[in-house]
C-alpha atoms as a PDB file:
ATOM      1  CA  UNK A   1     104.956  94.135  80.749  1.00  0.00           C
ATOM      2  CA  UNK A   2     104.097  96.519  77.929  1.00  0.00           C
ATOM      3  CA  UNK A   3     104.260  95.311  74.347  1.00  0.00           C
ATOM      4  CA  UNK A   4     106.935  97.030  72.293  1.00  0.00           C
ATOM      5  CA  UNK A   5     106.044  98.407  68.907  1.00  0.00           C
ATOM      6  CA  UNK A   6     109.469  99.773  68.070  1.00  0.00           C
ATOM      7  CA  UNK A   7     113.052  98.748  68.663  1.00  0.00           C
ATOM      8  CA  UNK A   8     116.484 100.334  68.476  1.00  0.00           C
ATOM      9  CA  UNK A   9     118.518  98.046  66.237  1.00  0.00           C
ATOM     10  CA  UNK A  10     121.785 100.010  66.219  1.00  0.00           C
ATOM     11  CA  UNK A  11     123.395 103.274  67.277  1.00  0.00           C
ATOM     12  CA  UNK A  12     126.194 105.326  65.725  1.00  0.00           C
ATOM     13  CA  UNK A  13     128.013 108.445  66.930  1.00  0.00           C
ATOM     14  CA  UNK A  14     130.497 110.971  65.555  1.00  0.00           C
ATOM     15  CA  UNK A  15     132.749 113.541  67.236  1.00  0.00           C
ATOM     16  CA  UNK A  16     134.868 116.095  65.334  1.00  0.00           C
ATOM     17  CA  UNK A  17     138.622 116.153  65.682  1.00  0.00           C
ATOM     18  CA  UNK A  18     140.751 115.474  68.737  1.00  0.00           C
ATOM     19  CA  UNK A  19     139.485 116.126  72.282  1.00  0.00           C
ATOM     20  CA  UNK A  20     140.149 119.605  73.678  1.00  0.00           C
ATOM     21  CA  UNK A  21     141.101 119.556  77.360  1.00  0.00           C
ATOM     22  CA  UNK A  22     140.602 122.312  79.930  1.00  0.00           C
ATOM     23  CA  UNK A  23     144.200 123.501  79.797  1.00  0.00           C
ATOM     24  CA  UNK A  24     143.945 124.018  76.047  1.00  0.00           C
ATOM     25  CA  UNK A  25     140.813 126.120  76.549  1.00  0.00           C
ATOM     26  CA  UNK A  26     142.417 128.030  79.402  1.00  0.00           C
ATOM     27  CA  UNK A  27     145.470 128.851  77.280  1.00  0.00           C
ATOM     28  CA  UNK A  28     143.317 129.951  74.330  1.00  0.00           C
ATOM     29  CA  UNK A  29     140.963 132.136  76.385  1.00  0.00           C
ATOM     30  CA  UNK A  30     143.397 133.334  79.037  1.00  0.00           C
ATOM     31  CA  UNK A  31     141.312 131.939  81.899  1.00  0.00           C
ATOM     32  CA  UNK A  32     141.829 129.578  84.841  1.00  0.00           C
ATOM     33  CA  UNK A  33     141.670 125.873  83.941  1.00  0.00           C
ATOM     34  CA  UNK A  34     140.753 125.016  87.541  1.00  0.00           C
ATOM     35  CA  UNK A  35     137.624 127.177  87.261  1.00  0.00           C
ATOM     36  CA  UNK A  36     136.442 125.041  84.340  1.00  0.00           C
ATOM     37  CA  UNK A  37     137.007 121.819  86.272  1.00  0.00           C
ATOM     38  CA  UNK A  38     135.459 123.011  89.538  1.00  0.00           C
ATOM     39  CA  UNK A  39     132.486 124.948  88.139  1.00  0.00           C
ATOM     40  CA  UNK A  40     131.677 122.942  84.992  1.00  0.00           C
ATOM     41  CA  UNK A  41     133.185 119.525  85.710  1.00  0.00           C
ATOM     42  CA  UNK A  42     133.829 118.771  82.033  1.00  0.00           C
ATOM     43  CA  UNK A  43     137.321 117.480  81.221  1.00  0.00           C
ATOM     44  CA  UNK A  44     137.299 117.389  77.408  1.00  0.00           C
ATOM     45  CA  UNK A  45     135.093 118.277  74.456  1.00  0.00           C
ATOM     46  CA  UNK A  46     135.330 118.255  70.641  1.00  0.00           C
ATOM     47  CA  UNK A  47     134.890 121.281  68.373  1.00  0.00           C
ATOM     48  CA  UNK A  48     133.907 121.390  64.718  1.00  0.00           C
ATOM     49  CA  UNK A  49     136.137 124.417  64.195  1.00  0.00           C
ATOM     50  CA  UNK A  50     139.780 125.210  64.817  1.00  0.00           C
ATOM     51  CA  UNK A  51     140.193 127.299  67.963  1.00  0.00           C
ATOM     52  CA  UNK A  52     143.024 129.379  66.544  1.00  0.00           C
ATOM     53  CA  UNK A  53     142.050 129.940  62.919  1.00  0.00           C
ATOM     54  CA  UNK A  54     138.290 129.790  63.670  1.00  0.00           C
ATOM     55  CA  UNK A  55     137.876 127.818  60.438  1.00  0.00           C
ATOM     56  CA  UNK A  56     134.952 125.401  60.523  1.00  0.00           C
ATOM     57  CA  UNK A  57     136.336 121.949  59.750  1.00  0.00           C
ATOM     58  CA  UNK A  58     133.146 119.904  60.122  1.00  0.00           C
ATOM     59  CA  UNK A  59     129.531 120.730  59.374  1.00  0.00           C
ATOM     60  CA  UNK A  60     126.529 119.176  61.082  1.00  0.00           C
ATOM     61  CA  UNK A  61     125.845 117.287  57.855  1.00  0.00           C
ATOM     62  CA  UNK A  62     129.382 115.852  57.994  1.00  0.00           C
ATOM     63  CA  UNK A  63     128.921 114.559  61.540  1.00  0.00           C
ATOM     64  CA  UNK A  64     125.338 113.350  61.132  1.00  0.00           C
ATOM     65  CA  UNK A  65     126.241 111.448  57.960  1.00  0.00           C
ATOM     66  CA  UNK A  66     129.138 109.756  59.773  1.00  0.00           C
ATOM     67  CA  UNK A  67     126.900 108.757  62.684  1.00  0.00           C
ATOM     68  CA  UNK A  68     124.122 107.612  60.372  1.00  0.00           C
ATOM     69  CA  UNK A  69     126.482 105.477  58.291  1.00  0.00           C
ATOM     70  CA  UNK A  70     127.782 103.750  61.426  1.00  0.00           C
ATOM     71  CA  UNK A  71     124.264 103.038  62.678  1.00  0.00           C
ATOM     72  CA  UNK A  72     123.129 101.685  59.318  1.00  0.00           C
ATOM     73  CA  UNK A  73     126.184  99.435  59.021  1.00  0.00           C
ATOM     74  CA  UNK A  74     125.689  98.059  62.541  1.00  0.00           C
ATOM     75  CA  UNK A  75     121.972  97.401  61.983  1.00  0.00           C
ATOM     76  CA  UNK A  76     122.502  94.925  59.177  1.00  0.00           C
ATOM     77  CA  UNK A  77     119.765  96.609  57.112  1.00  0.00           C
ATOM     78  CA  UNK A  78     120.084  97.709  53.515  1.00  0.00           C
ATOM     79  CA  UNK A  79     119.462 101.286  52.353  1.00  0.00           C
ATOM     80  CA  UNK A  80     116.216 100.224  50.678  1.00  0.00           C
ATOM     81  CA  UNK A  81     114.963  98.980  54.054  1.00  0.00           C
ATOM     82  CA  UNK A  82     114.937 102.535  55.481  1.00  0.00           C
ATOM     83  CA  UNK A  83     111.511 104.134  55.194  1.00  0.00           C
ATOM     84  CA  UNK A  84     112.203 107.612  56.614  1.00  0.00           C
ATOM     85  CA  UNK A  85     114.893 109.820  58.122  1.00  0.00           C
ATOM     86  CA  UNK A  86     114.418 112.412  60.879  1.00  0.00           C
ATOM     87  CA  UNK A  87     116.925 114.847  62.406  1.00  0.00           C
ATOM     88  CA  UNK A  88     116.639 116.787  65.661  1.00  0.00           C
ATOM     89  CA  UNK A  89     118.946 119.812  65.959  1.00  0.00           C
ATOM     90  CA  UNK A  90     119.183 123.364  67.267  1.00  0.00           C
ATOM     91  CA  UNK A  91     121.988 124.309  64.877  1.00  0.00           C
ATOM     92  CA  UNK A  92     121.250 123.314  61.257  1.00  0.00           C
ATOM     93  CA  UNK A  93     123.906 124.175  58.711  1.00  0.00           C
ATOM     94  CA  UNK A  94     121.573 126.562  56.864  1.00  0.00           C
ATOM     95  CA  UNK A  95     117.952 127.618  56.725  1.00  0.00           C
ATOM     96  CA  UNK A  96     117.682 125.827  53.384  1.00  0.00           C
ATOM     97  CA  UNK A  97     118.250 123.187  52.292  1.00  0.00           C
ATOM     98  CA  UNK A  98     117.361 121.381  55.492  1.00  0.00           C
ATOM     99  CA  UNK A  99     120.419 119.598  56.870  1.00  0.00           C
ATOM    100  CA  UNK A 100     118.507 116.317  57.063  1.00  0.00           C
ATOM    101  CA  UNK A 101     118.255 116.297  53.264  1.00  0.00           C
ATOM    102  CA  UNK A 102     121.993 116.805  52.862  1.00  0.00           C
ATOM    103  CA  UNK A 103     122.539 113.874  55.228  1.00  0.00           C
ATOM    104  CA  UNK A 104     120.113 111.688  53.284  1.00  0.00           C
ATOM    105  CA  UNK A 105     121.969 112.541  50.076  1.00  0.00           C
ATOM    106  CA  UNK A 106     125.329 111.596  51.563  1.00  0.00           C
ATOM    107  CA  UNK A 107     123.978 108.302  52.859  1.00  0.00           C
ATOM    108  CA  UNK A 108     122.447 107.420  49.489  1.00  0.00           C
ATOM    109  CA  UNK A 109     118.847 107.669  50.710  1.00  0.00           C
ATOM    110  CA  UNK A 110     116.223 108.905  48.252  1.00  0.00           C
ATOM    111  CA  UNK A 111     112.493 108.699  47.564  1.00  0.00           C
ATOM    112  CA  UNK A 112     111.548 108.685  51.242  1.00  0.00           C
ATOM    113  CA  UNK A 113     110.057 111.198  53.693  1.00  0.00           C
ATOM    114  CA  UNK A 114     112.511 113.396  55.606  1.00  0.00           C
ATOM    115  CA  UNK A 115     111.866 115.443  58.737  1.00  0.00           C
ATOM    116  CA  UNK A 116     113.900 118.071  60.562  1.00  0.00           C
ATOM    117  CA  UNK A 117     112.910 119.156  64.073  1.00  0.00           C
ATOM    118  CA  UNK A 118     114.228 122.450  65.452  1.00  0.00           C
ATOM    119  CA  UNK A 119     114.837 122.089  69.172  1.00  0.00           C
ATOM    120  CA  UNK A 120     117.514 122.152  71.842  1.00  0.00           C
ATOM    121  CA  UNK A 121     118.316 119.395  74.311  1.00  0.00           C
ATOM    122  CA  UNK A 122     114.907 117.753  73.799  1.00  0.00           C
ATOM    123  CA  UNK A 123     115.274 117.557  70.019  1.00  0.00           C
ATOM    124  CA  UNK A 124     116.841 114.090  69.988  1.00  0.00           C
ATOM    125  CA  UNK A 125     113.973 112.692  72.058  1.00  0.00           C
ATOM    126  CA  UNK A 126     111.453 114.487  69.837  1.00  0.00           C
ATOM    127  CA  UNK A 127     113.109 112.774  66.871  1.00  0.00           C
ATOM    128  CA  UNK A 128     112.859 109.428  68.680  1.00  0.00           C
ATOM    129  CA  UNK A 129     109.206 110.184  69.417  1.00  0.00           C
ATOM    130  CA  UNK A 130     108.471 110.785  65.742  1.00  0.00           C
ATOM    131  CA  UNK A 131     110.430 107.692  64.731  1.00  0.00           C
ATOM    132  CA  UNK A 132     108.588 105.618  67.334  1.00  0.00           C
ATOM    133  CA  UNK A 133     105.227 106.888  66.047  1.00  0.00           C
ATOM    134  CA  UNK A 134     106.039 106.215  62.398  1.00  0.00           C
ATOM    135  CA  UNK A 135     107.124 102.648  63.148  1.00  0.00           C
ATOM    136  CA  UNK A 136     104.605 101.684  65.847  1.00  0.00           C
ATOM    137  CA  UNK A 137     101.725 102.945  63.692  1.00  0.00           C
ATOM    138  CA  UNK A 138     102.685 100.481  60.979  1.00  0.00           C
ATOM    139  CA  UNK A 139     103.339 103.256  58.477  1.00  0.00           C
ATOM    140  CA  UNK A 140     107.000 102.238  58.171  1.00  0.00           C
ATOM    141  CA  UNK A 141     108.962  99.159  59.166  1.00  0.00           C
ATOM    142  CA  UNK A 142     112.334 100.872  59.659  1.00  0.00           C
ATOM    143  CA  UNK A 143     113.748 104.366  59.871  1.00  0.00           C
ATOM    144  CA  UNK A 144     116.843 106.388  60.722  1.00  0.00           C
ATOM    145  CA  UNK A 145     116.699 108.881  63.604  1.00  0.00           C
ATOM    146  CA  UNK A 146     119.474 111.451  64.046  1.00  0.00           C
ATOM    147  CA  UNK A 147     120.414 114.166  66.501  1.00  0.00           C
ATOM    148  CA  UNK A 148     123.333 116.542  66.560  1.00  0.00           C
ATOM    149  CA  UNK A 149     124.615 120.055  66.990  1.00  0.00           C
ATOM    150  CA  UNK A 150     127.564 122.247  66.059  1.00  0.00           C
ATOM    151  CA  UNK A 151     127.418 124.888  68.781  1.00  0.00           C
ATOM    152  CA  UNK A 152     130.947 126.233  68.389  1.00  0.00           C
ATOM    153  CA  UNK A 153     130.050 128.169  65.236  1.00  0.00           C
ATOM    154  CA  UNK A 154     127.619 130.350  67.224  1.00  0.00           C
ATOM    155  CA  UNK A 155     130.150 131.696  69.712  1.00  0.00           C
ATOM    156  CA  UNK A 156     132.425 134.602  68.663  1.00  0.00           C
ATOM    157  CA  UNK A 157     136.063 133.876  69.531  1.00  0.00           C
ATOM    158  CA  UNK A 158     137.480 137.371  68.902  1.00  0.00           C
ATOM    159  CA  UNK A 159     136.924 139.002  72.310  1.00  0.00           C
ATOM    160  CA  UNK A 160     138.581 139.557  75.667  1.00  0.00           C
ATOM    161  CA  UNK A 161     137.654 136.523  77.735  1.00  0.00           C
ATOM    162  CA  UNK A 162     139.549 137.744  80.808  1.00  0.00           C
ATOM    163  CA  UNK A 163     136.907 140.429  81.476  1.00  0.00           C
ATOM    164  CA  UNK A 164     133.908 138.263  80.604  1.00  0.00           C
ATOM    165  CA  UNK A 165     131.526 137.498  83.511  1.00  0.00           C
ATOM    166  CA  UNK A 166     131.122 133.795  84.415  1.00  0.00           C
ATOM    167  CA  UNK A 167     127.492 133.863  83.200  1.00  0.00           C
ATOM    168  CA  UNK A 168     128.782 134.467  79.648  1.00  0.00           C
ATOM    169  CA  UNK A 169     132.083 132.609  79.860  1.00  0.00           C
ATOM    170  CA  UNK A 170     130.330 129.378  80.817  1.00  0.00           C
ATOM    171  CA  UNK A 171     128.964 128.990  77.280  1.00  0.00           C
ATOM    172  CA  UNK A 172     132.473 128.871  75.809  1.00  0.00           C
ATOM    173  CA  UNK A 173     133.534 125.923  77.990  1.00  0.00           C
ATOM    174  CA  UNK A 174     130.235 124.061  78.432  1.00  0.00           C
ATOM    175  CA  UNK A 175     129.444 122.930  74.903  1.00  0.00           C
ATOM    176  CA  UNK A 176     130.933 120.467  72.445  1.00  0.00           C
ATOM    177  CA  UNK A 177     129.988 119.386  68.928  1.00  0.00           C
ATOM    178  CA  UNK A 178     128.850 115.994  67.682  1.00  0.00           C
ATOM    179  CA  UNK A 179     126.100 113.842  66.202  1.00  0.00           C
ATOM    180  CA  UNK A 180     124.389 110.540  66.852  1.00  0.00           C
ATOM    181  CA  UNK A 181     122.003 108.178  65.102  1.00  0.00           C
ATOM    182  CA  UNK A 182     119.756 105.210  65.789  1.00  0.00           C
ATOM    183  CA  UNK A 183     118.058 102.754  63.453  1.00  0.00           C
ATOM    184  CA  UNK A 184     114.456 102.192  64.589  1.00  0.00           C
ATOM    185  CA  UNK A 185     112.741  98.957  63.546  1.00  0.00           C
ATOM    186  CA  UNK A 186     109.354  97.286  63.951  1.00  0.00           C
ATOM    187  CA  UNK A 187     110.941  93.908  64.750  1.00  0.00           C
ATOM    188  CA  UNK A 188     113.623  93.046  67.343  1.00  0.00           C
ATOM    189  CA  UNK A 189     116.811  92.855  65.279  1.00  0.00           C
ATOM    190  CA  UNK A 190     120.381  93.938  65.918  1.00  0.00           C
ATOM    191  CA  UNK A 191     120.710  95.448  69.397  1.00  0.00           C
ATOM    192  CA  UNK A 192     117.117  94.402  70.226  1.00  0.00           C
ATOM    193  CA  UNK A 193     116.509  97.383  72.511  1.00  0.00           C
ATOM    194  CA  UNK A 194     112.739  97.765  72.880  1.00  0.00           C
ATOM    195  CA  UNK A 195     111.499 101.353  72.948  1.00  0.00           C
ATOM    196  CA  UNK A 196     108.663 101.026  75.456  1.00  0.00           C
ATOM    197  CA  UNK A 197     107.621 104.653  75.860  1.00  0.00           C
ATOM    198  CA  UNK A 198     108.628 108.148  74.739  1.00  0.00           C
ATOM    199  CA  UNK A 199     107.695 111.282  76.710  1.00  0.00           C
ATOM    200  CA  UNK A 200     107.721 114.660  74.958  1.00  0.00           C
ATOM    201  CA  UNK A 201     105.868 117.487  76.681  1.00  0.00           C
ATOM    202  CA  UNK A 202     106.081 121.290  76.780  1.00  0.00           C
ATOM    203  CA  UNK A 203     105.631 122.565  80.354  1.00  0.00           C
ATOM    204  CA  UNK A 204     106.647 126.205  79.923  1.00  0.00           C
ATOM    205  CA  UNK A 205     103.307 128.013  79.775  1.00  0.00           C
ATOM    206  CA  UNK A 206     103.781 131.501  81.208  1.00  0.00           C
ATOM    207  CA  UNK A 207     107.430 130.834  82.181  1.00  0.00           C
ATOM    208  CA  UNK A 208     110.389 132.869  81.000  1.00  0.00           C
ATOM    209  CA  UNK A 209     112.856 130.911  78.831  1.00  0.00           C
ATOM    210  CA  UNK A 210     115.770 129.483  80.760  1.00  0.00           C
ATOM    211  CA  UNK A 211     118.001 129.783  77.700  1.00  0.00           C
ATOM    212  CA  UNK A 212     117.966 131.767  74.466  1.00  0.00           C
ATOM    213  CA  UNK A 213     120.199 131.119  71.449  1.00  0.00           C
ATOM    214  CA  UNK A 214     120.135 133.882  68.831  1.00  0.00           C
ATOM    215  CA  UNK A 215     120.086 133.305  65.093  1.00  0.00           C
ATOM    216  CA  UNK A 216     121.496 136.549  63.758  1.00  0.00           C
ATOM    217  CA  UNK A 217     120.593 137.784  60.310  1.00  0.00           C
ATOM    218  CA  UNK A 218     122.293 140.612  58.430  1.00  0.00           C
ATOM    219  CA  UNK A 219     119.908 143.197  59.906  1.00  0.00           C
ATOM    220  CA  UNK A 220     120.742 142.449  63.549  1.00  0.00           C
ATOM    221  CA  UNK A 221     124.216 140.943  63.373  1.00  0.00           C
ATOM    222  CA  UNK A 222     125.727 143.983  65.082  1.00  0.00           C
ATOM    223  CA  UNK A 223     122.976 144.436  67.658  1.00  0.00           C
ATOM    224  CA  UNK A 224     125.330 143.721  70.552  1.00  0.00           C
ATOM    225  CA  UNK A 225     123.154 140.929  71.937  1.00  0.00           C
ATOM    226  CA  UNK A 226     124.868 137.860  73.367  1.00  0.00           C
ATOM    227  CA  UNK A 227     124.545 134.851  71.055  1.00  0.00           C
ATOM    228  CA  UNK A 228     123.584 132.665  74.024  1.00  0.00           C
ATOM    229  CA  UNK A 229     121.852 133.826  77.191  1.00  0.00           C
ATOM    230  CA  UNK A 230     120.728 131.663  80.076  1.00  0.00           C
ATOM    231  CA  UNK A 231     119.281 131.883  83.560  1.00  0.00           C
ATOM    232  CA  UNK A 232     121.690 129.475  85.221  1.00  0.00           C
ATOM    233  CA  UNK A 233     120.020 129.750  88.622  1.00  0.00           C
ATOM    234  CA  UNK A 234     116.629 128.853  87.150  1.00  0.00           C
ATOM    235  CA  UNK A 235     118.173 125.907  85.308  1.00  0.00           C
ATOM    236  CA  UNK A 236     120.006 124.730  88.426  1.00  0.00           C
ATOM    237  CA  UNK A 237     116.763 124.871  90.407  1.00  0.00           C
ATOM    238  CA  UNK A 238     114.295 123.430  87.898  1.00  0.00           C
ATOM    239  CA  UNK A 239     116.128 120.741  85.919  1.00  0.00           C
ATOM    240  CA  UNK A 240     116.807 118.252  88.765  1.00  0.00           C
ATOM    241  CA  UNK A 241     113.142 118.399  89.797  1.00  0.00           C
ATOM    242  CA  UNK A 242     111.917 117.963  86.225  1.00  0.00           C
ATOM    243  CA  UNK A 243     114.324 115.080  85.617  1.00  0.00           C
ATOM    244  CA  UNK A 244     113.048 113.165  88.635  1.00  0.00           C
ATOM    245  CA  UNK A 245     109.441 113.770  87.554  1.00  0.00           C
ATOM    246  CA  UNK A 246     110.189 112.382  84.089  1.00  0.00           C
ATOM    247  CA  UNK A 247     111.659 109.162  85.500  1.00  0.00           C
ATOM    248  CA  UNK A 248     108.736 108.513  87.813  1.00  0.00           C
ATOM    249  CA  UNK A 249     106.109 109.361  85.201  1.00  0.00           C
ATOM    250  CA  UNK A 250     107.601 106.850  82.766  1.00  0.00           C
ATOM    251  CA  UNK A 251     107.876 104.171  85.439  1.00  0.00           C
ATOM    252  CA  UNK A 252     104.288 104.779  86.562  1.00  0.00           C
ATOM    253  CA  UNK A 253     102.991 104.509  82.988  1.00  0.00           C
ATOM    254  CA  UNK A 254     104.777 101.214  82.479  1.00  0.00           C
ATOM    255  CA  UNK A 255     104.116  99.800  85.922  1.00  0.00           C
ATOM    256  CA  UNK A 256     107.843  99.540  86.638  1.00  0.00           C
ATOM    257  CA  UNK A 257     109.081  99.659  90.210  1.00  0.00           C
ATOM    258  CA  UNK A 258     112.317 101.340  91.252  1.00  0.00           C
ATOM    259  CA  UNK A 259     113.810  97.898  91.929  1.00  0.00           C
ATOM    260  CA  UNK A 260     113.221  96.903  88.293  1.00  0.00           C
ATOM    261  CA  UNK A 261     115.150  99.838  86.834  1.00  0.00           C
ATOM    262  CA  UNK A 262     118.766  98.993  85.986  1.00  0.00           C
ATOM    263  CA  UNK A 263     120.094 102.110  84.235  1.00  0.00           C
ATOM    264  CA  UNK A 264     119.338 105.818  84.082  1.00  0.00           C
ATOM    265  CA  UNK A 265     120.622 108.088  81.306  1.00  0.00           C
ATOM    266  CA  UNK A 266     120.377 111.526  82.968  1.00  0.00           C
ATOM    267  CA  UNK A 267     120.372 114.975  81.337  1.00  0.00           C
ATOM    268  CA  UNK A 268     123.902 115.836  80.225  1.00  0.00           C
ATOM    269  CA  UNK A 269     124.232 119.545  80.979  1.00  0.00           C
ATOM    270  CA  UNK A 270     127.735 119.452  82.428  1.00  0.00           C
ATOM    271  CA  UNK A 271     129.740 117.191  84.697  1.00  0.00           C
ATOM    272  CA  UNK A 272     128.817 119.102  87.860  1.00  0.00           C
ATOM    273  CA  UNK A 273     125.182 119.743  86.935  1.00  0.00           C
ATOM    274  CA  UNK A 274     124.621 116.106  85.997  1.00  0.00           C
ATOM    275  CA  UNK A 275     126.008 115.069  89.395  1.00  0.00           C
ATOM    276  CA  UNK A 276     123.380 117.265  91.073  1.00  0.00           C
ATOM    277  CA  UNK A 277     120.608 115.873  88.876  1.00  0.00           C
ATOM    278  CA  UNK A 278     121.527 112.248  89.611  1.00  0.00           C
ATOM    279  CA  UNK A 279     121.712 112.981  93.338  1.00  0.00           C
ATOM    280  CA  UNK A 280     118.220 114.514  93.247  1.00  0.00           C
ATOM    281  CA  UNK A 281     116.836 111.541  91.336  1.00  0.00           C
ATOM    282  CA  UNK A 282     117.714 109.432  94.393  1.00  0.00           C
ATOM    283  CA  UNK A 283     117.803 106.070  92.630  1.00  0.00           C
ATOM    284  CA  UNK A 284     120.172 103.930  94.716  1.00  0.00           C
ATOM    285  CA  UNK A 285     121.197 100.761  92.952  1.00  0.00           C
ATOM    286  CA  UNK A 286     120.464 102.195  89.494  1.00  0.00           C
ATOM    287  CA  UNK A 287     123.581 102.580  87.350  1.00  0.00           C
ATOM    288  CA  UNK A 288     124.224 105.960  85.693  1.00  0.00           C
ATOM    289  CA  UNK A 289     125.164 106.160  82.008  1.00  0.00           C
ATOM    290  CA  UNK A 290     126.861 109.495  81.313  1.00  0.00           C
ATOM    291  CA  UNK A 291     129.422 110.886  78.890  1.00  0.00           C
ATOM    292  CA  UNK A 292     129.254 114.677  79.225  1.00  0.00           C
ATOM    293  CA  UNK A 293     132.533 114.955  81.148  1.00  0.00           C
ATOM    294  CA  UNK A 294     134.346 113.604  78.072  1.00  0.00           C
ATOM    295  CA  UNK A 295     132.238 115.023  75.232  1.00  0.00           C
ATOM    296  CA  UNK A 296     130.976 118.322  76.606  1.00  0.00           C
ATOM    297  CA  UNK A 297     127.345 119.297  76.180  1.00  0.00           C
ATOM    298  CA  UNK A 298     126.694 118.208  72.599  1.00  0.00           C
ATOM    299  CA  UNK A 299     122.955 118.867  72.956  1.00  0.00           C
ATOM    300  CA  UNK A 300     121.030 116.640  70.544  1.00  0.00           C
ATOM    301  CA  UNK A 301     123.921 114.216  70.065  1.00  0.00           C
ATOM    302  CA  UNK A 302     124.131 113.311  73.767  1.00  0.00           C
ATOM    303  CA  UNK A 303     121.219 110.851  74.067  1.00  0.00           C
ATOM    304  CA  UNK A 304     122.704 108.792  71.229  1.00  0.00           C
ATOM    305  CA  UNK A 305     126.131 108.852  72.838  1.00  0.00           C
ATOM    306  CA  UNK A 306     124.581 107.606  76.068  1.00  0.00           C
ATOM    307  CA  UNK A 307     122.702 104.918  74.130  1.00  0.00           C
ATOM    308  CA  UNK A 308     125.972 103.764  72.557  1.00  0.00           C
ATOM    309  CA  UNK A 309     127.452 103.344  76.039  1.00  0.00           C
ATOM    310  CA  UNK A 310     124.326 101.608  77.284  1.00  0.00           C
ATOM    311  CA  UNK A 311     124.540  99.035  74.488  1.00  0.00           C
ATOM    312  CA  UNK A 312     127.999  98.062  75.738  1.00  0.00           C
ATOM    313  CA  UNK A 313     126.672  96.942  79.134  1.00  0.00           C
ATOM    314  CA  UNK A 314     122.911  96.273  79.019  1.00  0.00           C
ATOM    315  CA  UNK A 315     121.843  92.627  79.257  1.00  0.00           C
ATOM    316  CA  UNK A 316     118.674  90.806  78.254  1.00  0.00           C
ATOM    317  CA  UNK A 317     115.733  91.700  80.473  1.00  0.00           C
ATOM    318  CA  UNK A 318     117.326  94.859  81.869  1.00  0.00           C
ATOM    319  CA  UNK A 319     115.483  98.195  81.806  1.00  0.00           C
ATOM    320  CA  UNK A 320     116.682 101.771  81.317  1.00  0.00           C
ATOM    321  CA  UNK A 321     115.203 105.262  81.291  1.00  0.00           C
ATOM    322  CA  UNK A 322     116.730 108.191  79.419  1.00  0.00           C
ATOM    323  CA  UNK A 323     115.954 111.791  80.382  1.00  0.00           C
ATOM    324  CA  UNK A 324     116.409 115.120  78.600  1.00  0.00           C
ATOM    325  CA  UNK A 325     115.236 118.519  79.812  1.00  0.00           C
ATOM    326  CA  UNK A 326     115.176 121.540  77.535  1.00  0.00           C
ATOM    327  CA  UNK A 327     115.426 124.720  79.579  1.00  0.00           C
ATOM    328  CA  UNK A 328     114.836 127.036  76.604  1.00  0.00           C
ATOM    329  CA  UNK A 329     111.093 126.709  77.219  1.00  0.00           C
ATOM    330  CA  UNK A 330     110.987 123.950  79.851  1.00  0.00           C
ATOM    331  CA  UNK A 331     110.345 120.787  77.849  1.00  0.00           C
ATOM    332  CA  UNK A 332     110.184 117.385  79.557  1.00  0.00           C
ATOM    333  CA  UNK A 333     111.539 114.550  77.406  1.00  0.00           C
ATOM    334  CA  UNK A 334     112.352 110.941  78.147  1.00  0.00           C
ATOM    335  CA  UNK A 335     112.203 107.369  76.925  1.00  0.00           C
ATOM    336  CA  UNK A 336     111.986 103.900  78.461  1.00  0.00           C
ATOM    337  CA  UNK A 337     113.963 100.957  77.096  1.00  0.00           C
ATOM    338  CA  UNK A 338     114.172  97.219  77.686  1.00  0.00           C
ATOM    339  CA  UNK A 339     116.677  94.745  76.249  1.00  0.00           C
ATOM    340  CA  UNK A 340     114.828  91.782  74.726  1.00  0.00           C
END
């Protein structure tokens, strides 16, 4: 058994507003609700903006601060116990100030290092990796790790969705907004979930991006480019293979056998895609912890939402592996956990 140098003491999550079901989306966009269910497999999601008025009702800082406050309260630690704060996101509220600093301000955190990592689905695990390193190195005893995204603000709602090809329409029904947080500690307190390993590796040398999300400035706002483009076939082909490789690499590093693994937290792309990934993992007897069918693809918030569900069921001595794959440039990310 590997010695743990970092622990997850508590987790908090935040979702904006009421859940939006497929019929509500279908009515708003003038599309078939059954297509969403059959092709995407997501039943509900939450948006940080109002679908009709297009007014943004929640910022990423709003959601991350809510999640962070919940995690801090559940951990039993005081604000002065927190040595750093790190946020992983693909959709910060602004270029400056960094959203992580707005969150720190709202939580009452000051005079401590802050970090903001710009990444897609792997960003939450990258944030965990940094938090793990800062704690396991002895540099800090405790820290707050956050992940979240507000994707709805990127997608233009004033267009004819009835003529939109499925390759573009998918982005309007796939995503949801939200944030999550975890308190990382050097001693087993609170939830006592040992963080045994974190995997964070770029594997996209020479490969075309599987997904591109534009950040339009004034000069190119009217360029006509899609805000989000993806190679769905490449994602469908590569992600299940990469996810299985991540699980087995982590188990090999730790000397865990398949029989010892109790839970897997798979990539949360969509309800249907996650089903394919889990089937390819081929881990009979290992329980799946998923939430994407209810939350939508909330990107960097999803690992924390899965962790919150894991904490409801995991028992002492049980092991879990979480997996995230970022198709934007083919990043492998994962983490191994054990309840102590």
